[in-house]
Amino acid sequence: MIRTQIQLTPEQFEQLKRRAAANGVSMAAEIRVALDRHLRETSGNSSARGRAIAAIGGFRSGRNDVSVKHDEYLAEAFGD
């Protein structure tokens, strides 16, 4: 491990302290978990766009005309 320092607002400190206590871990462990999550979500295919692109072709609707009637199906699904 590499030791580092960060500065938190009083509100961040209190929330972090409560969350760490609730999870039974140190505040440092809670920060590492949050940082790992943030780094995963903001890198490469973990972005919203990357996840959307990765999902292409991964689902089946059972219909063979979705590319033509997608607007109708969306309106039907959302009750428009």
C-alpha atoms as a PDB file:
ATOM      1  CA  MET A   1       0.000   0.000   0.000  1.00  0.00           C
ATOM      2  CA  ILE A   2       1.045   3.568  -0.633  1.00  0.00           C
ATOM      3  CA  ARG A   3       0.119   6.099   2.010  1.00  0.00           C
ATOM      4  CA  THR A   4      -1.485   9.321   0.797  1.00  0.00           C
ATOM      5  CA  GLN A   5      -3.500  12.181   2.215  1.00  0.00           C
ATOM      6  CA  ILE A   6      -6.795  13.626   1.062  1.00  0.00           C
ATOM      7  CA  GLN A   7      -8.866  16.509   2.296  1.00  0.00           C
ATOM      8  CA  LEU A   8     -12.572  16.021   2.919  1.00  0.00           C
ATOM      9  CA  THR A   9     -15.350  18.379   3.763  1.00  0.00           C
ATOM     10  CA  PRO A  10     -16.805  17.854   7.241  1.00  0.00           C
ATOM     11  CA  GLU A  11     -19.923  16.361   5.629  1.00  0.00           C
ATOM     12  CA  GLN A  12     -17.879  13.919   3.530  1.00  0.00           C
ATOM     13  CA  PHE A  13     -15.894  12.896   6.597  1.00  0.00           C
ATOM     14  CA  GLU A  14     -19.011  12.198   8.655  1.00  0.00           C
ATOM     15  CA  GLN A  15     -20.706  10.238   5.882  1.00  0.00           C
ATOM     16  CA  LEU A  16     -17.542   8.237   5.231  1.00  0.00           C
ATOM     17  CA  LYS A  17     -17.119   7.507   8.926  1.00  0.00           C
ATOM     18  CA  ARG A  18     -20.738   6.303   9.226  1.00  0.00           C
ATOM     19  CA  ARG A  19     -20.565   4.173   6.086  1.00  0.00           C
ATOM     20  CA  ALA A  20     -17.285   2.555   7.093  1.00  0.00           C
ATOM     21  CA  ALA A  21     -18.661   1.759  10.562  1.00  0.00           C
ATOM     22  CA  ALA A  22     -21.858   0.329   9.064  1.00  0.00           C
ATOM     23  CA  ASN A  23     -19.812  -1.894   6.741  1.00  0.00           C
ATOM     24  CA  GLY A  24     -17.356  -2.875   9.475  1.00  0.00           C
ATOM     25  CA  VAL A  25     -14.324  -1.618   7.567  1.00  0.00           C
ATOM     26  CA  SER A  26     -11.835   1.193   7.923  1.00  0.00           C
ATOM     27  CA  MET A  27     -12.412   4.559   6.295  1.00  0.00           C
ATOM     28  CA  ALA A  28      -9.390   3.854   4.076  1.00  0.00           C
ATOM     29  CA  ALA A  29     -10.952   0.590   2.873  1.00  0.00           C
ATOM     30  CA  GLU A  30     -14.209   2.397   2.125  1.00  0.00           C
ATOM     31  CA  ILE A  31     -12.312   5.011   0.088  1.00  0.00           C
ATOM     32  CA  ARG A  32     -10.452   2.294  -1.862  1.00  0.00           C
ATOM     33  CA  VAL A  33     -13.739   0.548  -2.738  1.00  0.00           C
ATOM     34  CA  ALA A  34     -15.290   3.832  -3.892  1.00  0.00           C
ATOM     35  CA  LEU A  35     -12.199   4.736  -5.912  1.00  0.00           C
ATOM     36  CA  ASP A  36     -12.090   1.303  -7.571  1.00  0.00           C
ATOM     37  CA  ARG A  37     -15.773   1.650  -8.518  1.00  0.00           C
ATOM     38  CA  HIS A  38     -15.208   5.140  -9.901  1.00  0.00           C
ATOM     39  CA  LEU A  39     -12.186   4.043 -11.945  1.00  0.00           C
ATOM     40  CA  ARG A  40     -14.095   1.068 -13.403  1.00  0.00           C
ATOM     41  CA  GLU A  41     -17.088   3.215 -14.324  1.00  0.00           C
ATOM     42  CA  THR A  42     -15.039   5.923 -16.022  1.00  0.00           C
ATOM     43  CA  SER A  43     -12.576   3.834 -18.002  1.00  0.00           C
ATOM     44  CA  GLY A  44     -12.899   2.357 -21.482  1.00  0.00           C
ATOM     45  CA  ASN A  45     -15.944   0.190 -22.046  1.00  0.00           C
ATOM     46  CA  SER A  46     -17.151   0.854 -18.535  1.00  0.00           C
ATOM     47  CA  SER A  47     -18.579   4.165 -19.699  1.00  0.00           C
ATOM     48  CA  ALA A  48     -22.300   4.329 -20.387  1.00  0.00           C
ATOM     49  CA  ARG A  49     -21.581   4.523 -24.120  1.00  0.00           C
ATOM     50  CA  GLY A  50     -19.197   1.576 -23.934  1.00  0.00           C
ATOM     51  CA  ARG A  51     -21.708  -0.543 -22.028  1.00  0.00           C
ATOM     52  CA  ALA A  52     -24.435   0.340 -24.533  1.00  0.00           C
ATOM     53  CA  ILE A  53     -22.229  -0.612 -27.471  1.00  0.00           C
ATOM     54  CA  ALA A  54     -21.228  -3.858 -25.765  1.00  0.00           C
ATOM     55  CA  ALA A  55     -24.919  -4.747 -25.317  1.00  0.00           C
ATOM     56  CA  ILE A  56     -25.703  -4.509 -29.035  1.00  0.00           C
ATOM     57  CA  GLY A  57     -26.955  -7.832 -30.267  1.00  0.00           C
ATOM     58  CA  GLY A  58     -27.098  -9.272 -26.781  1.00  0.00           C
ATOM     59  CA  PHE A  59     -30.873  -9.403 -26.496  1.00  0.00           C
ATOM     60  CA  ARG A  60     -33.679 -10.997 -28.476  1.00  0.00           C
ATOM     61  CA  SER A  61     -37.095  -9.416 -28.929  1.00  0.00           C
ATOM     62  CA  GLY A  62     -38.620 -12.281 -30.871  1.00  0.00           C
ATOM     63  CA  ARG A  63     -39.542  -9.848 -33.638  1.00  0.00           C
ATOM     64  CA  ASN A  64     -37.872  -9.702 -37.017  1.00  0.00           C
ATOM     65  CA  ASP A  65     -38.885  -6.159 -37.979  1.00  0.00           C
ATOM     66  CA  VAL A  66     -37.457  -4.084 -35.103  1.00  0.00           C
ATOM     67  CA  SER A  67     -35.076  -2.186 -37.392  1.00  0.00           C
ATOM     68  CA  VAL A  68     -38.064  -0.951 -39.404  1.00  0.00           C
ATOM     69  CA  LYS A  69     -40.722  -0.499 -36.706  1.00  0.00           C
ATOM     70  CA  HIS A  70     -38.559   0.534 -33.727  1.00  0.00           C
ATOM     71  CA  ASP A  71     -40.446   3.804 -33.190  1.00  0.00           C
ATOM     72  CA  GLU A  72     -43.790   2.004 -33.035  1.00  0.00           C
ATOM     73  CA  TYR A  73     -42.451  -0.564 -30.580  1.00  0.00           C
ATOM     74  CA  LEU A  74     -40.942   2.138 -28.351  1.00  0.00           C
ATOM     75  CA  ALA A  75     -44.200   4.091 -28.312  1.00  0.00           C
ATOM     76  CA  GLU A  76     -46.084   0.902 -27.459  1.00  0.00           C
ATOM     77  CA  ALA A  77     -43.629  -0.010 -24.687  1.00  0.00           C
ATOM     78  CA  PHE A  78     -43.765   3.442 -23.083  1.00  0.00           C
ATOM     79  CA  GLY A  79     -47.516   3.853 -23.501  1.00  0.00           C
ATOM     80  CA  ASP A  80     -47.406   6.763 -25.949  1.00  0.00           C
END
